[in-house]
Amino acid sequence: MTTLTKLLLRDFKPRKLLQLKTFATYVEKELEVPTFCDVHIDLPYSVTVKPLNVHKYHNCDKLIIKIDDRCKDSLQYDVDGNQVKIDETVERKEDDVMCYVKAPVKANLYINSKKDINIGYFHGDKLYATSQEGDVNVDRFQGNSANVMTANGNIRLNDFIQAANISASIQEKGSIITGRMQGLNLILKTNTGNINVESAYSHESHFEIVNGNLELQNAHRSCKIFIHEGDINLAGFDGKLKLVLERGKANIHLFRISEEESEINILDGSLKLRLADACQDYVQFLIKSETSEISENVKSTINNSGNVLELIPDINADSSCIINCQGHVFVESASWQDMIKLRMQKRE
């Protein structure tokens, strides 16, 4: 046997074994359920839940379970009125076990898993998903409440989530990535990891990171941010801002500040502040910092009184923003177009 042949065989065998491992035998069970039902899933392995095909199931009154053949005897399911329960009686050690569920698109989902959770686009009233050591992925959601949590793993809320109350939290390590968040209350928290939000249109938004970075674009209304250690990139903010950064750098673009008072507190770090025309025309800024620099393109009137730097708006002081920074503050003018260009550069 030639050396080349030996190398080819060596490379070929592992791939073949890996390929064979991905094949599994699944058994399928179809249940008759109400169109508006509560689906409770509590399993020790990965779970994928997708909505029924409404073109195939016109009444949306079926629930289909597809489970690994190894679990067919230990999986339990029960339908009691509008309550559907799916759980496992045996503690599984295999990492490759999967359960696939198709449920009515209007179903309320209550999902618990030790592994990954993947959820399709549902229109139910409630969505609750909790993983112990896996990622949680939600395609889209429209309803009243969306609550997603994992102990160790990442959370991805794709496209848009529209609900009165939206919450995503990571207890230990992992990052949160979202598309457009729209609702009344939004809470995103992680212990060690980053938070990246495409846009947040919520009456009240709360972002909290112990150790990690925040990338927040197009945030509106009232917004509270707390970061123990990390950096902040905030672009196109429009509303009321309460920000506390204990240690790190902040790069903030303010499009408009609401009538109420806003605060930016940086205990150990620096601030680069970009102001749109609306802020320079109608917002009074009071800046207290170790050092500061104001760009020549800022049209607000500068009043330096002791250790406080005041930016007096060009037209009228309809609102105010107090800045306390134990470091350097740099302020410059930036238009909405500049913010869009900055977003495009980050995507590239």
Protein backbone atom coordinates (compact mmCIF):
# COMPACT_ATOMS: atom_id res chain seq x y z
CA MET A 1 0.00 0.00 0.00
CA THR A 2 1.45 3.35 -1.05
CA THR A 3 1.90 6.26 1.33
CA LEU A 4 -0.72 8.26 -0.60
CA THR A 5 -3.26 5.46 -0.25
CA LYS A 6 -2.64 5.25 3.48
CA LEU A 7 -3.19 8.99 3.85
CA LEU A 8 -6.43 8.87 1.85
CA LEU A 9 -7.77 6.00 3.93
CA ARG A 10 -6.78 7.72 7.14
CA ASP A 11 -8.65 10.87 6.12
CA PHE A 12 -11.63 8.96 4.75
CA LYS A 13 -12.52 6.79 7.73
CA PRO A 14 -13.13 9.49 10.33
CA ARG A 15 -15.36 11.41 7.96
CA LYS A 16 -17.36 8.28 7.25
CA LEU A 17 -17.83 7.56 10.95
CA LEU A 18 -18.82 11.16 11.64
CA GLN A 19 -21.30 11.06 8.78
CA LEU A 20 -22.87 7.87 10.03
CA LYS A 21 -23.23 9.32 13.49
CA THR A 22 -25.49 12.09 12.20
CA PHE A 23 -28.08 9.60 10.95
CA ALA A 24 -30.74 8.71 13.50
CA THR A 25 -34.02 6.85 13.38
CA TYR A 26 -37.01 8.95 14.39
CA VAL A 27 -40.51 7.95 15.28
CA GLU A 28 -43.43 10.30 14.80
CA LYS A 29 -46.58 10.79 16.83
CA GLU A 30 -49.51 13.00 15.85
CA LEU A 31 -51.86 14.36 18.52
CA GLU A 32 -55.16 16.18 18.16
CA VAL A 33 -55.06 19.43 20.15
CA PRO A 34 -57.06 22.68 20.36
CA THR A 35 -55.98 25.46 18.03
CA PHE A 36 -55.39 27.69 21.06
CA CYS A 37 -53.46 25.53 23.50
CA ASP A 38 -50.66 25.66 26.07
CA VAL A 39 -47.73 23.44 25.12
CA HIS A 40 -45.48 22.45 28.03
CA ILE A 41 -42.20 20.75 27.08
CA ASP A 42 -39.71 19.58 29.71
CA LEU A 43 -36.88 17.51 28.23
CA PRO A 44 -33.19 16.87 29.00
CA TYR A 45 -32.12 17.12 25.36
CA SER A 46 -32.24 19.62 22.50
CA VAL A 47 -35.69 20.76 21.41
CA THR A 48 -36.87 22.35 18.17
CA VAL A 49 -40.42 23.71 18.02
CA LYS A 50 -41.86 24.99 14.74
CA PRO A 51 -45.39 26.05 13.76
CA LEU A 52 -47.61 23.76 11.72
CA ASN A 53 -47.90 24.36 8.02
CA VAL A 54 -51.22 26.20 7.86
CA HIS A 55 -51.69 25.23 4.21
CA LYS A 56 -51.50 21.54 5.09
CA TYR A 57 -53.27 21.72 8.46
CA HIS A 58 -56.01 24.27 7.84
CA ASN A 59 -57.61 23.93 11.28
CA CYS A 60 -54.25 24.07 13.12
CA ASP A 61 -55.51 21.39 15.49
CA LYS A 62 -52.62 18.94 15.39
CA LEU A 63 -49.38 18.57 17.31
CA ILE A 64 -46.64 16.42 15.79
CA ILE A 65 -43.80 14.96 17.84
CA LYS A 66 -40.74 13.51 16.14
CA ILE A 67 -38.38 11.86 18.60
CA ASP A 68 -35.22 9.81 18.47
CA ASP A 69 -36.02 6.09 18.42
CA ARG A 70 -33.94 5.62 21.59
CA CYS A 71 -36.42 7.74 23.55
CA LYS A 72 -39.72 6.50 22.16
CA ASP A 73 -40.52 4.38 25.23
CA SER A 74 -39.52 6.95 27.84
CA LEU A 75 -41.14 10.02 26.28
CA GLN A 76 -44.47 10.96 27.83
CA TYR A 77 -47.18 13.13 26.33
CA ASP A 78 -50.64 14.05 27.50
CA VAL A 79 -53.50 16.24 26.27
CA ASP A 80 -55.94 17.53 28.90
CA GLY A 81 -58.27 20.13 27.46
CA ASN A 82 -56.07 22.90 26.11
CA GLN A 83 -53.04 21.71 28.13
CA VAL A 84 -50.44 19.66 26.26
CA LYS A 85 -47.54 18.16 28.20
CA ILE A 86 -44.41 16.49 26.81
CA ASP A 87 -41.72 15.23 29.16
CA GLU A 88 -39.09 12.53 29.62
CA THR A 89 -39.04 9.89 32.36
CA VAL A 90 -35.39 8.88 31.91
CA GLU A 91 -32.29 11.02 32.44
CA ARG A 92 -30.42 10.93 29.13
CA LYS A 93 -26.62 11.14 28.87
CA GLU A 94 -26.42 11.18 25.08
CA ASP A 95 -25.52 14.57 23.60
CA ASP A 96 -26.99 13.94 20.15
CA VAL A 97 -30.63 13.27 21.10
CA MET A 98 -33.13 15.64 19.49
CA CYS A 99 -36.85 16.22 19.75
CA TYR A 100 -38.82 18.00 17.03
CA VAL A 101 -42.29 19.39 17.68
CA LYS A 102 -44.74 21.07 15.32
CA ALA A 103 -47.50 22.94 17.11
CA PRO A 104 -50.37 25.30 16.22
CA VAL A 105 -49.04 28.75 15.39
CA LYS A 106 -51.28 30.29 18.08
CA ALA A 107 -50.04 27.99 20.84
CA ASN A 108 -48.53 29.31 24.05
CA LEU A 109 -45.09 27.76 24.57
CA TYR A 110 -43.47 26.76 27.87
CA ILE A 111 -40.18 25.02 27.10
CA ASN A 112 -37.53 23.71 29.49
CA SER A 113 -34.41 21.90 28.29
CA LYS A 114 -30.92 21.10 29.47
CA LYS A 115 -29.63 21.61 25.92
CA ASP A 116 -30.34 23.87 22.95
CA ILE A 117 -33.78 25.29 22.22
CA ASN A 118 -34.87 26.44 18.74
CA ILE A 119 -38.26 28.10 18.28
CA GLY A 120 -39.94 29.11 15.04
CA TYR A 121 -42.27 32.02 14.30
CA PHE A 122 -45.30 31.77 16.63
CA HIS A 123 -48.21 34.14 17.26
CA GLY A 124 -49.33 32.86 20.65
CA ASP A 125 -49.89 34.96 23.73
CA LYS A 126 -46.88 33.67 25.69
CA LEU A 127 -43.44 32.26 25.00
CA TYR A 128 -41.24 30.98 27.83
CA ALA A 129 -37.99 29.14 27.12
CA THR A 130 -35.36 28.10 29.67
CA SER A 131 -32.17 26.14 29.00
CA GLN A 132 -29.66 24.96 31.58
CA GLU A 133 -26.56 24.67 29.41
CA GLY A 134 -27.52 25.42 25.83
CA ASP A 135 -28.29 28.16 23.33
CA VAL A 136 -31.77 29.57 22.80
CA ASN A 137 -32.80 30.72 19.34
CA VAL A 138 -36.14 32.38 18.49
CA ASP A 139 -36.95 33.11 14.84
CA ARG A 140 -39.63 35.73 15.42
CA PHE A 141 -42.51 36.27 17.82
CA GLN A 142 -45.70 38.31 18.09
CA GLY A 143 -47.64 38.07 21.33
CA ASN A 144 -47.94 39.42 24.85
CA SER A 145 -44.91 38.01 26.70
CA ALA A 146 -41.58 36.59 25.56
CA ASN A 147 -39.26 35.35 28.32
CA VAL A 148 -36.02 33.57 27.38
CA MET A 149 -33.30 32.43 29.75
CA THR A 150 -30.23 30.21 29.85
CA ALA A 151 -27.58 29.53 32.48
CA ASN A 152 -24.68 28.98 30.07
CA GLY A 153 -25.21 29.69 26.39
CA ASN A 154 -26.10 32.33 23.85
CA ILE A 155 -29.49 33.85 23.13
CA ARG A 156 -30.49 34.97 19.65
CA LEU A 157 -33.78 36.78 19.02
CA ASN A 158 -33.91 37.00 15.25
CA ASP A 159 -35.68 39.44 12.94
CA PHE A 160 -38.23 41.06 15.24
CA ILE A 161 -39.86 40.33 18.58
CA GLN A 162 -43.10 42.20 19.22
CA ALA A 163 -44.61 41.80 22.67
CA ALA A 164 -45.72 43.87 25.64
CA ASN A 165 -43.02 42.31 27.81
CA ILE A 166 -39.71 41.00 26.44
CA SER A 167 -37.02 39.51 28.65
CA ALA A 168 -33.77 37.66 27.87
CA SER A 169 -31.20 36.81 30.52
CA ILE A 170 -28.03 34.73 30.86
CA GLN A 171 -27.10 33.75 34.39
CA GLU A 172 -23.43 32.96 33.84
CA LYS A 173 -21.66 33.11 30.46
CA GLY A 174 -23.06 33.92 27.04
CA SER A 175 -24.04 36.71 24.66
CA ILE A 176 -27.38 38.11 23.47
CA ILE A 177 -27.98 39.11 19.84
CA THR A 178 -31.30 40.58 18.75
CA GLY A 179 -33.00 42.11 15.75
CA ARG A 180 -35.79 44.64 16.24
CA MET A 181 -37.33 44.65 19.72
CA GLN A 182 -40.72 46.33 20.00
CA GLY A 183 -42.97 46.48 23.06
CA LEU A 184 -43.67 48.14 26.38
CA ASN A 185 -40.94 46.63 28.55
CA LEU A 186 -37.60 45.20 27.42
CA ILE A 187 -35.02 43.62 29.75
CA LEU A 188 -31.74 42.13 28.50
CA LYS A 189 -29.14 40.85 30.99
CA THR A 190 -25.95 38.82 30.90
CA ASN A 191 -23.24 38.13 33.43
CA THR A 192 -20.21 37.52 31.20
CA GLY A 193 -20.80 38.25 27.53
CA ASN A 194 -21.93 40.88 25.06
CA ILE A 195 -25.30 42.32 24.10
CA ASN A 196 -25.90 43.39 20.49
CA VAL A 197 -29.26 45.00 19.66
CA GLU A 198 -30.25 46.12 16.17
CA SER A 199 -33.07 48.36 17.44
CA ALA A 200 -35.20 48.80 20.56
CA TYR A 201 -38.58 50.50 20.31
CA SER A 202 -39.82 50.02 23.86
CA HIS A 203 -41.44 52.31 26.39
CA GLU A 204 -38.97 51.08 29.03
CA SER A 205 -35.67 49.35 28.15
CA HIS A 206 -33.16 47.92 30.60
CA PHE A 207 -29.72 46.57 29.67
CA GLU A 208 -27.35 45.06 32.21
CA ILE A 209 -23.89 43.50 31.79
CA VAL A 210 -21.44 42.53 34.51
CA ASN A 211 -18.49 41.92 32.18
CA GLY A 212 -18.89 42.54 28.45
CA ASN A 213 -19.73 45.04 25.74
CA LEU A 214 -22.99 46.64 24.64
CA GLU A 215 -23.76 47.43 20.99
CA LEU A 216 -27.10 49.26 20.88
CA GLN A 217 -28.56 50.88 17.79
CA ASN A 218 -31.76 52.88 17.33
CA ALA A 219 -32.90 52.87 20.96
CA HIS A 220 -36.04 54.89 21.70
CA ARG A 221 -38.04 56.13 24.69
CA SER A 222 -36.76 55.49 28.23
CA CYS A 223 -33.53 53.48 28.44
CA LYS A 224 -31.50 52.34 31.46
CA ILE A 225 -28.01 50.88 31.02
CA PHE A 226 -25.72 49.42 33.67
CA ILE A 227 -22.32 47.91 32.86
CA HIS A 228 -19.77 46.94 35.47
CA GLU A 229 -16.85 46.50 33.06
CA GLY A 230 -16.95 46.82 29.28
CA ASP A 231 -17.43 49.21 26.39
CA ILE A 232 -20.60 50.84 25.04
CA ASN A 233 -21.45 51.75 21.45
CA LEU A 234 -24.79 53.56 21.39
CA ALA A 235 -25.97 54.89 18.03
CA GLY A 236 -29.06 56.92 17.14
CA PHE A 237 -30.53 57.26 20.62
CA ASP A 238 -33.86 59.10 20.88
CA GLY A 239 -35.43 59.43 24.33
CA LYS A 240 -34.48 59.51 28.00
CA LEU A 241 -31.15 57.92 28.98
CA LYS A 242 -29.87 56.72 32.36
CA LEU A 243 -26.43 55.18 31.95
CA VAL A 244 -23.90 53.89 34.49
CA LEU A 245 -20.56 52.54 33.25
CA GLU A 246 -18.25 51.58 36.10
CA ARG A 247 -15.22 50.83 33.96
CA GLY A 248 -14.74 51.14 30.20
CA LYS A 249 -15.15 53.35 27.15
CA ALA A 250 -18.39 54.84 25.86
CA ASN A 251 -19.06 55.89 22.26
CA ILE A 252 -22.49 57.54 22.21
CA HIS A 253 -24.47 59.17 19.40
CA LEU A 254 -27.47 61.15 20.62
CA PHE A 255 -30.12 62.01 18.06
CA ARG A 256 -32.61 63.55 20.46
CA ILE A 257 -33.16 63.79 24.24
CA SER A 258 -36.72 63.84 25.59
CA GLU A 259 -38.11 66.53 27.87
CA GLU A 260 -36.99 64.70 31.01
CA GLU A 261 -33.47 64.83 32.41
CA SER A 262 -30.92 62.27 31.22
CA GLU A 263 -27.76 61.13 32.98
CA ILE A 264 -24.49 59.59 31.83
CA ASN A 265 -22.16 58.39 34.59
CA ILE A 266 -18.74 56.89 33.83
CA LEU A 267 -16.84 56.04 37.00
CA ASP A 268 -13.58 54.98 35.34
CA GLY A 269 -13.17 55.48 31.60
CA SER A 270 -13.75 57.88 28.74
CA LEU A 271 -16.63 59.22 26.68
CA LYS A 272 -16.89 60.13 23.01
CA LEU A 273 -20.15 62.01 22.56
CA ARG A 274 -21.65 62.74 19.14
CA LEU A 275 -24.56 65.19 19.04
CA ALA A 276 -27.12 65.51 16.28
CA ASP A 277 -28.59 68.94 15.44
CA ALA A 278 -31.67 68.37 17.60
CA CYS A 279 -29.47 67.94 20.68
CA GLN A 280 -27.45 71.04 19.91
CA ASP A 281 -30.62 73.07 19.36
CA TYR A 282 -32.75 71.97 22.33
CA VAL A 283 -30.65 70.17 24.98
CA GLN A 284 -28.53 71.65 27.74
CA PHE A 285 -25.45 69.55 28.60
CA LEU A 286 -23.65 69.82 31.93
CA ILE A 287 -20.31 67.99 31.73
CA LYS A 288 -18.13 67.27 34.74
CA SER A 289 -14.94 65.41 33.84
CA GLU A 290 -11.21 65.28 34.47
CA THR A 291 -10.47 66.59 30.97
CA SER A 292 -12.66 67.58 28.03
CA GLU A 293 -12.44 68.61 24.40
CA ILE A 294 -15.19 70.23 22.32
CA SER A 295 -14.93 70.03 18.54
CA GLU A 296 -15.18 73.22 16.52
CA ASN A 297 -18.19 71.86 14.63
CA VAL A 298 -20.38 71.93 17.78
CA LYS A 299 -22.71 74.94 17.46
CA SER A 300 -23.87 75.02 21.08
CA THR A 301 -22.55 77.89 23.17
CA ILE A 302 -19.77 76.75 25.52
CA ASN A 303 -19.74 78.05 29.09
CA ASN A 304 -16.85 76.89 31.24
CA SER A 305 -17.56 77.55 34.90
CA GLY A 306 -14.99 75.90 37.17
CA ASN A 307 -15.03 72.12 36.85
CA VAL A 308 -18.37 72.05 35.01
CA LEU A 309 -18.59 72.56 31.26
CA GLU A 310 -21.98 73.75 30.02
CA LEU A 311 -23.22 73.43 26.45
CA ILE A 312 -26.04 75.92 25.98
CA PRO A 313 -28.46 74.92 23.18
CA ASP A 314 -28.65 77.07 20.08
CA ILE A 315 -32.44 77.61 20.25
CA ASN A 316 -34.04 76.62 23.57
CA ALA A 317 -33.28 74.35 26.56
CA ASP A 318 -36.23 71.97 26.37
CA SER A 319 -34.35 69.18 28.15
CA SER A 320 -31.04 68.49 29.85
CA CYS A 321 -28.34 65.85 30.15
CA ILE A 322 -25.92 65.62 33.07
CA ILE A 323 -22.58 63.91 32.39
CA ASN A 324 -20.16 62.77 35.09
CA CYS A 325 -16.99 61.15 33.77
CA GLN A 326 -13.87 60.22 35.69
CA GLY A 327 -11.78 60.51 32.56
CA HIS A 328 -11.70 62.32 29.23
CA VAL A 329 -14.80 63.59 27.38
CA PHE A 330 -14.75 64.45 23.69
CA VAL A 331 -17.81 66.11 22.10
CA GLU A 332 -18.45 66.61 18.40
CA SER A 333 -21.33 67.26 16.03
CA ALA A 334 -22.67 64.32 14.01
CA SER A 335 -25.65 64.16 11.70
CA TRP A 336 -28.11 61.29 11.27
CA GLN A 337 -26.36 60.48 8.01
CA ASP A 338 -23.06 60.16 9.88
CA MET A 339 -24.67 57.64 12.21
CA ILE A 340 -25.95 55.57 9.27
CA LYS A 341 -22.47 55.57 7.73
CA LEU A 342 -21.04 54.39 11.04
CA ARG A 343 -23.54 51.51 11.17
CA MET A 344 -22.68 50.48 7.61
CA GLN A 345 -18.97 50.45 8.45
CA LYS A 346 -19.58 48.16 11.44
CA ARG A 347 -21.56 45.73 9.31
CA GLU A 348 -18.70 45.55 6.83
